[in-house]
PDB file of all heavy atoms in Angstrom:
ATOM      1  N   CYS A   1     103.221  98.178  93.672  1.00  0.00           N
ATOM      2  CA  CYS A   1     104.457  97.904  92.878  1.00  0.00           C
ATOM      3  C   CYS A   1     105.604  97.874  93.860  1.00  0.00           C
ATOM      4  O   CYS A   1     106.372  96.963  93.732  1.00  0.00           O
ATOM      5  CB  CYS A   1     104.550  99.076  91.869  1.00  0.00           C
ATOM      6  SG  CYS A   1     103.273  99.213  90.673  1.00  0.00           S
ATOM      7  N   VAL A   2     105.652  98.840  94.798  1.00  0.00           N
ATOM      8  CA  VAL A   2     106.711  98.819  95.819  1.00  0.00           C
ATOM      9  C   VAL A   2     106.058  99.237  97.091  1.00  0.00           C
ATOM     10  O   VAL A   2     105.372 100.296  97.274  1.00  0.00           O
ATOM     11  CB  VAL A   2     107.820  99.797  95.547  1.00  0.00           C
ATOM     12  CG1 VAL A   2     108.800  99.871  96.677  1.00  0.00           C
ATOM     13  CG2 VAL A   2     108.530  99.430  94.229  1.00  0.00           C
ATOM     14  N   MET A   3     106.194  98.437  98.194  1.00  0.00           N
ATOM     15  CA  MET A   3     105.804  98.842  99.614  1.00  0.00           C
ATOM     16  C   MET A   3     107.069  98.946 100.405  1.00  0.00           C
ATOM     17  O   MET A   3     107.843  97.971 100.392  1.00  0.00           O
ATOM     18  CB  MET A   3     104.943  97.830 100.108  1.00  0.00           C
ATOM     19  CG  MET A   3     104.608  98.168 101.641  1.00  0.00           C
ATOM     20  SD  MET A   3     103.624  96.766 102.437  1.00  0.00           S
ATOM     21  CE  MET A   3     102.008  97.096 101.895  1.00  0.00           C
ATOM     22  N   LEU A   4     107.276 100.014 101.076  1.00  0.00           N
ATOM     23  CA  LEU A   4     108.269 100.096 102.186  1.00  0.00           C
ATOM     24  C   LEU A   4     107.634 100.066 103.426  1.00  0.00           C
ATOM     25  O   LEU A   4     106.859 100.910 103.838  1.00  0.00           O
ATOM     26  CB  LEU A   4     109.023 101.427 101.955  1.00  0.00           C
ATOM     27  CG  LEU A   4     109.657 101.697 100.618  1.00  0.00           C
ATOM     28  CD1 LEU A   4     110.457 103.020 100.592  1.00  0.00           C
ATOM     29  CD2 LEU A   4     110.622 100.682 100.111  1.00  0.00           C
ATOM     30  N   ASP A   5     107.910  98.962 104.166  1.00  0.00           N
ATOM     31  CA  ASP A   5     107.247  98.717 105.431  1.00  0.00           C
ATOM     32  C   ASP A   5     108.173  98.758 106.515  1.00  0.00           C
ATOM     33  O   ASP A   5     109.025  97.783 106.644  1.00  0.00           O
ATOM     34  CB  ASP A   5     106.475  97.327 105.461  1.00  0.00           C
ATOM     35  CG  ASP A   5     105.745  96.983 106.722  1.00  0.00           C
ATOM     36  OD1 ASP A   5     105.486  97.940 107.498  1.00  0.00           O
ATOM     37  OD2 ASP A   5     105.405  95.806 106.848  1.00  0.00           O
ATOM     38  N   ASN A   6     108.109  99.746 107.440  1.00  0.00           N
ATOM     39  CA  ASN A   6     109.172 100.024 108.531  1.00  0.00           C
ATOM     40  C   ASN A   6     110.572  99.932 107.968  1.00  0.00           C
ATOM     41  O   ASN A   6     111.448  99.283 108.562  1.00  0.00           O
ATOM     42  CB  ASN A   6     108.895  98.833 109.575  1.00  0.00           C
ATOM     43  CG  ASN A   6     107.687  99.056 110.412  1.00  0.00           C
ATOM     44  OD1 ASN A   6     107.496 100.298 110.925  1.00  0.00           O
ATOM     45  ND2 ASN A   6     106.903  98.155 110.544  1.00  0.00           N
ATOM     46  N   CYS A   7     110.716 100.702 106.871  1.00  0.00           N
ATOM     47  CA  CYS A   7     112.076 100.823 106.377  1.00  0.00           C
ATOM     48  C   CYS A   7     112.592 102.194 106.678  1.00  0.00           C
ATOM     49  O   CYS A   7     111.885 103.156 106.784  1.00  0.00           O
ATOM     50  CB  CYS A   7     112.022 100.581 104.732  1.00  0.00           C
ATOM     51  SG  CYS A   7     111.594  98.925 104.286  1.00  0.00           S
ATOM     52  N   LYS A   8     113.971 102.210 106.682  1.00  0.00           N
ATOM     53  CA  LYS A   8     114.673 103.520 106.806  1.00  0.00           C
ATOM     54  C   LYS A   8     115.764 103.663 105.816  1.00  0.00           C
ATOM     55  O   LYS A   8     116.372 102.669 105.535  1.00  0.00           O
ATOM     56  CB  LYS A   8     115.256 103.642 108.218  1.00  0.00           C
ATOM     57  CG  LYS A   8     114.180 103.896 109.331  1.00  0.00           C
ATOM     58  CD  LYS A   8     114.848 104.107 110.580  1.00  0.00           C
ATOM     59  CE  LYS A   8     113.800 104.410 111.685  1.00  0.00           C
ATOM     60  NZ  LYS A   8     114.403 104.689 113.007  1.00  0.00           N
ATOM     61  N   TYR A   9     116.022 104.814 105.294  1.00  0.00           N
ATOM     62  CA  TYR A   9     117.020 105.160 104.334  1.00  0.00           C
ATOM     63  C   TYR A   9     117.046 104.221 103.102  1.00  0.00           C
ATOM     64  O   TYR A   9     118.071 104.006 102.531  1.00  0.00           O
ATOM     65  CB  TYR A   9     118.417 104.988 105.088  1.00  0.00           C
ATOM     66  CG  TYR A   9     118.608 105.894 106.256  1.00  0.00           C
ATOM     67  CD1 TYR A   9     118.518 105.369 107.548  1.00  0.00           C
ATOM     68  CD2 TYR A   9     118.791 107.313 106.102  1.00  0.00           C
ATOM     69  CE1 TYR A   9     118.641 106.252 108.628  1.00  0.00           C
ATOM     70  CE2 TYR A   9     118.953 108.086 107.238  1.00  0.00           C
ATOM     71  CZ  TYR A   9     118.824 107.532 108.497  1.00  0.00           C
ATOM     72  OH  TYR A   9     118.963 108.367 109.513  1.00  0.00           O
ATOM     73  N   THR A  10     115.827 103.827 102.698  1.00  0.00           N
ATOM     74  CA  THR A  10     115.699 103.067 101.439  1.00  0.00           C
ATOM     75  C   THR A  10     115.435 104.077 100.342  1.00  0.00           C
ATOM     76  O   THR A  10     114.925 105.194 100.532  1.00  0.00           O
ATOM     77  CB  THR A  10     114.586 101.975 101.550  1.00  0.00           C
ATOM     78  OG1 THR A  10     113.391 102.732 101.830  1.00  0.00           O
ATOM     79  CG2 THR A  10     114.947 100.990 102.617  1.00  0.00           C
ATOM     80  N   ARG A  11     115.607 103.577  99.072  1.00  0.00           N
ATOM     81  CA  ARG A  11     115.484 104.526  97.971  1.00  0.00           C
ATOM     82  C   ARG A  11     114.839 103.708  96.837  1.00  0.00           C
ATOM     83  O   ARG A  11     115.142 102.624  96.542  1.00  0.00           O
ATOM     84  CB  ARG A  11     116.939 105.090  97.542  1.00  0.00           C
ATOM     85  CG  ARG A  11     116.786 106.098  96.463  1.00  0.00           C
ATOM     86  CD  ARG A  11     118.268 106.662  96.106  1.00  0.00           C
ATOM     87  NE  ARG A  11     118.126 107.703  95.107  1.00  0.00           N
ATOM     88  CZ  ARG A  11     119.193 108.303  94.635  1.00  0.00           C
ATOM     89  NH1 ARG A  11     120.529 107.945  95.056  1.00  0.00           N
ATOM     90  NH2 ARG A  11     119.148 109.229  93.705  1.00  0.00           N
ATOM     91  N   VAL A  12     113.894 104.375  96.192  1.00  0.00           N
ATOM     92  CA  VAL A  12     113.159 103.953  95.051  1.00  0.00           C
ATOM     93  C   VAL A  12     113.461 104.929  93.949  1.00  0.00           C
ATOM     94  O   VAL A  12     112.867 106.087  93.986  1.00  0.00           O
ATOM     95  CB  VAL A  12     111.707 103.708  95.332  1.00  0.00           C
ATOM     96  CG1 VAL A  12     111.025 103.137  94.136  1.00  0.00           C
ATOM     97  CG2 VAL A  12     111.443 102.777  96.603  1.00  0.00           C
ATOM     98  N   THR A  13     114.155 104.552  92.984  1.00  0.00           N
ATOM     99  CA  THR A  13     114.684 105.601  92.031  1.00  0.00           C
ATOM    100  C   THR A  13     114.710 105.091  90.597  1.00  0.00           C
ATOM    101  O   THR A  13     115.048 103.900  90.303  1.00  0.00           O
ATOM    102  CB  THR A  13     116.192 106.030  92.430  1.00  0.00           C
ATOM    103  OG1 THR A  13     116.485 107.122  91.589  1.00  0.00           O
ATOM    104  CG2 THR A  13     117.062 104.895  92.357  1.00  0.00           C
ATOM    105  N   ARG A  14     114.347 105.975  89.675  1.00  0.00           N
ATOM    106  CA  ARG A  14     114.501 105.770  88.185  1.00  0.00           C
ATOM    107  C   ARG A  14     113.682 104.533  87.697  1.00  0.00           C
ATOM    108  O   ARG A  14     114.135 103.890  86.781  1.00  0.00           O
ATOM    109  CB  ARG A  14     115.964 105.580  87.812  1.00  0.00           C
ATOM    110  CG  ARG A  14     116.698 106.864  88.094  1.00  0.00           C
ATOM    111  CD  ARG A  14     118.111 106.898  87.561  1.00  0.00           C
ATOM    112  NE  ARG A  14     118.960 108.027  87.836  1.00  0.00           N
ATOM    113  CZ  ARG A  14     118.885 109.374  87.320  1.00  0.00           C
ATOM    114  NH1 ARG A  14     118.044 109.437  86.356  1.00  0.00           N
ATOM    115  NH2 ARG A  14     119.640 110.257  87.782  1.00  0.00           N
ATOM    116  N   ASN A  15     112.494 104.309  88.335  1.00  0.00           N
ATOM    117  CA  ASN A  15     111.604 103.291  87.884  1.00  0.00           C
ATOM    118  C   ASN A  15     110.459 103.842  87.082  1.00  0.00           C
ATOM    119  O   ASN A  15     110.268 105.060  87.186  1.00  0.00           O
ATOM    120  CB  ASN A  15     110.989 102.578  89.183  1.00  0.00           C
ATOM    121  CG  ASN A  15     112.146 101.888  89.938  1.00  0.00           C
ATOM    122  OD1 ASN A  15     112.822 100.881  89.478  1.00  0.00           O
ATOM    123  ND2 ASN A  15     112.350 102.587  90.965  1.00  0.00           N
ATOM    124  N   VAL A  16     109.800 103.003  86.382  1.00  0.00           N
ATOM    125  CA  VAL A  16     108.518 103.437  85.750  1.00  0.00           C
ATOM    126  C   VAL A  16     107.364 102.635  86.267  1.00  0.00           C
ATOM    127  O   VAL A  16     107.485 101.408  86.417  1.00  0.00           O
ATOM    128  CB  VAL A  16     108.552 103.155  84.120  1.00  0.00           C
ATOM    129  CG1 VAL A  16     107.233 103.489  83.515  1.00  0.00           C
ATOM    130  CG2 VAL A  16     109.639 104.002  83.512  1.00  0.00           C
ATOM    131  N   PHE A  17     106.297 103.276  86.678  1.00  0.00           N
ATOM    132  CA  PHE A  17     105.223 102.697  87.344  1.00  0.00           C
ATOM    133  C   PHE A  17     103.932 102.862  86.420  1.00  0.00           C
ATOM    134  O   PHE A  17     103.419 103.938  86.186  1.00  0.00           O
ATOM    135  CB  PHE A  17     104.888 103.309  88.653  1.00  0.00           C
ATOM    136  CG  PHE A  17     106.019 103.051  89.670  1.00  0.00           C
ATOM    137  CD1 PHE A  17     106.915 103.998  89.947  1.00  0.00           C
ATOM    138  CD2 PHE A  17     106.130 101.810  90.308  1.00  0.00           C
ATOM    139  CE1 PHE A  17     107.946 103.891  90.843  1.00  0.00           C
ATOM    140  CE2 PHE A  17     107.264 101.562  91.151  1.00  0.00           C
ATOM    141  CZ  PHE A  17     108.173 102.557  91.365  1.00  0.00           C
ATOM    142  N   ARG A  18     103.525 101.770  85.829  1.00  0.00           N
ATOM    143  CA  ARG A  18     102.281 101.667  85.112  1.00  0.00           C
ATOM    144  C   ARG A  18     101.619 100.411  85.228  1.00  0.00           C
ATOM    145  O   ARG A  18     101.420  99.597  84.254  1.00  0.00           O
ATOM    146  CB  ARG A  18     102.527 101.990  83.602  1.00  0.00           C
ATOM    147  CG  ARG A  18     103.692 101.192  82.993  1.00  0.00           C
ATOM    148  CD  ARG A  18     103.758 101.489  81.465  1.00  0.00           C
ATOM    149  NE  ARG A  18     104.796 100.678  80.767  1.00  0.00           N
ATOM    150  CZ  ARG A  18     105.828 101.219  80.043  1.00  0.00           C
ATOM    151  NH1 ARG A  18     106.023 102.519  80.018  1.00  0.00           N
ATOM    152  NH2 ARG A  18     106.715 100.426  79.577  1.00  0.00           N
ATOM    153  N   PRO A  19     101.173 100.044  86.410  1.00  0.00           N
ATOM    154  CA  PRO A  19     100.541  98.706  86.728  1.00  0.00           C
ATOM    155  C   PRO A  19      99.205  98.647  86.000  1.00  0.00           C
ATOM    156  O   PRO A  19      98.656  99.596  85.545  1.00  0.00           O
ATOM    157  CB  PRO A  19     100.451  98.670  88.265  1.00  0.00           C
ATOM    158  CG  PRO A  19     100.357 100.214  88.644  1.00  0.00           C
ATOM    159  CD  PRO A  19     101.330 100.866  87.676  1.00  0.00           C
ATOM    160  N   LYS A  20      98.771  97.221  85.835  1.00  0.00           N
ATOM    161  CA  LYS A  20      97.635  97.079  85.203  1.00  0.00           C
ATOM    162  C   LYS A  20      96.317  97.180  86.208  1.00  0.00           C
ATOM    163  O   LYS A  20      96.261  96.330  87.102  1.00  0.00           O
ATOM    164  CB  LYS A  20      97.605  95.542  84.597  1.00  0.00           C
ATOM    165  CG  LYS A  20      98.881  95.371  83.732  1.00  0.00           C
ATOM    166  CD  LYS A  20      98.764  96.333  82.461  1.00  0.00           C
ATOM    167  CE  LYS A  20     100.016  95.962  81.565  1.00  0.00           C
ATOM    168  NZ  LYS A  20     100.115  96.866  80.514  1.00  0.00           N
ATOM    169  N   GLU A  21      95.557  98.155  85.944  1.00  0.00           N
ATOM    170  CA  GLU A  21      94.428  98.395  86.836  1.00  0.00           C
ATOM    171  C   GLU A  21      93.197  97.518  86.428  1.00  0.00           C
ATOM    172  O   GLU A  21      93.038  97.404  85.238  1.00  0.00           O
ATOM    173  CB  GLU A  21      94.067  99.845  86.901  1.00  0.00           C
ATOM    174  CG  GLU A  21      95.124 100.671  87.568  1.00  0.00           C
ATOM    175  CD  GLU A  21      94.634 102.078  87.795  1.00  0.00           C
ATOM    176  OE1 GLU A  21      94.050 102.717  86.985  1.00  0.00           O
ATOM    177  OE2 GLU A  21      94.983 102.602  88.926  1.00  0.00           O
ATOM    178  N   ARG A  22      92.556  97.039  87.376  1.00  0.00           N
ATOM    179  CA  ARG A  22      91.269  96.220  87.067  1.00  0.00           C
ATOM    180  C   ARG A  22      90.159  97.133  86.671  1.00  0.00           C
ATOM    181  O   ARG A  22      90.043  98.338  87.226  1.00  0.00           O
ATOM    182  CB  ARG A  22      90.953  95.378  88.234  1.00  0.00           C
ATOM    183  CG  ARG A  22      92.003  94.340  88.648  1.00  0.00           C
ATOM    184  CD  ARG A  22      91.683  93.842  89.971  1.00  0.00           C
ATOM    185  NE  ARG A  22      92.646  92.909  90.349  1.00  0.00           N
ATOM    186  CZ  ARG A  22      92.571  91.576  90.374  1.00  0.00           C
ATOM    187  NH1 ARG A  22      91.373  90.989  89.917  1.00  0.00           N
ATOM    188  NH2 ARG A  22      93.500  90.636  90.720  1.00  0.00           N
ATOM    189  N   ALA A  23      89.221  96.601  85.866  1.00  0.00           N
ATOM    190  CA  ALA A  23      88.048  97.454  85.586  1.00  0.00           C
ATOM    191  C   ALA A  23      87.273  97.610  86.748  1.00  0.00           C
ATOM    192  O   ALA A  23      86.695  98.742  86.952  1.00  0.00           O
ATOM    193  CB  ALA A  23      87.187  96.686  84.432  1.00  0.00           C
ATOM    194  N   ARG A  24      87.165  96.598  87.588  1.00  0.00           N
ATOM    195  CA  ARG A  24      86.428  96.814  88.954  1.00  0.00           C
ATOM    196  C   ARG A  24      87.392  96.331  90.141  1.00  0.00           C
ATOM    197  O   ARG A  24      87.433  95.215  90.418  1.00  0.00           O
ATOM    198  CB  ARG A  24      85.085  95.979  88.970  1.00  0.00           C
ATOM    199  CG  ARG A  24      84.072  96.452  87.983  1.00  0.00           C
ATOM    200  CD  ARG A  24      82.888  95.664  88.161  1.00  0.00           C
ATOM    201  NE  ARG A  24      81.804  96.232  87.191  1.00  0.00           N
ATOM    202  CZ  ARG A  24      81.003  97.122  87.502  1.00  0.00           C
ATOM    203  NH1 ARG A  24      81.147  97.719  88.673  1.00  0.00           N
ATOM    204  NH2 ARG A  24      80.102  97.623  86.641  1.00  0.00           N
ATOM    205  N   PRO A  25      88.144  97.288  90.569  1.00  0.00           N
ATOM    206  CA  PRO A  25      89.182  96.934  91.680  1.00  0.00           C
ATOM    207  C   PRO A  25      88.512  96.352  92.937  1.00  0.00           C
ATOM    208  O   PRO A  25      87.361  96.778  93.175  1.00  0.00           O
ATOM    209  CB  PRO A  25      89.819  98.193  91.968  1.00  0.00           C
ATOM    210  CG  PRO A  25      88.903  99.336  91.507  1.00  0.00           C
ATOM    211  CD  PRO A  25      88.205  98.743  90.343  1.00  0.00           C
ATOM    212  N   ARG A  26      89.228  95.406  93.543  1.00  0.00           N
ATOM    213  CA  ARG A  26      88.668  94.858  94.741  1.00  0.00           C
ATOM    214  C   ARG A  26      88.689  95.858  95.875  1.00  0.00           C
ATOM    215  O   ARG A  26      88.040  95.749  96.894  1.00  0.00           O
ATOM    216  CB  ARG A  26      89.370  93.536  95.041  1.00  0.00           C
ATOM    217  CG  ARG A  26      88.950  92.371  94.210  1.00  0.00           C
ATOM    218  CD  ARG A  26      89.737  91.241  94.491  1.00  0.00           C
ATOM    219  NE  ARG A  26      91.054  91.238  94.104  1.00  0.00           N
ATOM    220  CZ  ARG A  26      92.014  90.278  94.154  1.00  0.00           C
ATOM    221  NH1 ARG A  26      91.624  89.126  94.702  1.00  0.00           N
ATOM    222  NH2 ARG A  26      93.184  90.415  93.664  1.00  0.00           N
ATOM    223  N   HIS A  27      89.711  96.719  95.815  1.00  0.00           N
ATOM    224  CA  HIS A  27      89.889  97.747  96.921  1.00  0.00           C
ATOM    225  C   HIS A  27      90.776  98.847  96.346  1.00  0.00           C
ATOM    226  O   HIS A  27      91.169  98.796  95.161  1.00  0.00           O
ATOM    227  CB  HIS A  27      90.589  97.080  98.198  1.00  0.00           C
ATOM    228  CG  HIS A  27      91.808  96.389  97.895  1.00  0.00           C
ATOM    229  ND1 HIS A  27      92.970  96.929  97.506  1.00  0.00           N
ATOM    230  CD2 HIS A  27      92.078  95.014  97.931  1.00  0.00           C
ATOM    231  CE1 HIS A  27      93.965  96.056  97.441  1.00  0.00           C
ATOM    232  NE2 HIS A  27      93.334  94.880  97.556  1.00  0.00           N
TER     233      HIS A  27
END
């Protein structure tokens, strides 16, 4: 949903995370 890659002082705030999971995930 969110990836912080080599980030500094970033903020992830007041979100809702409910992604759709696969019955058989690839990884």
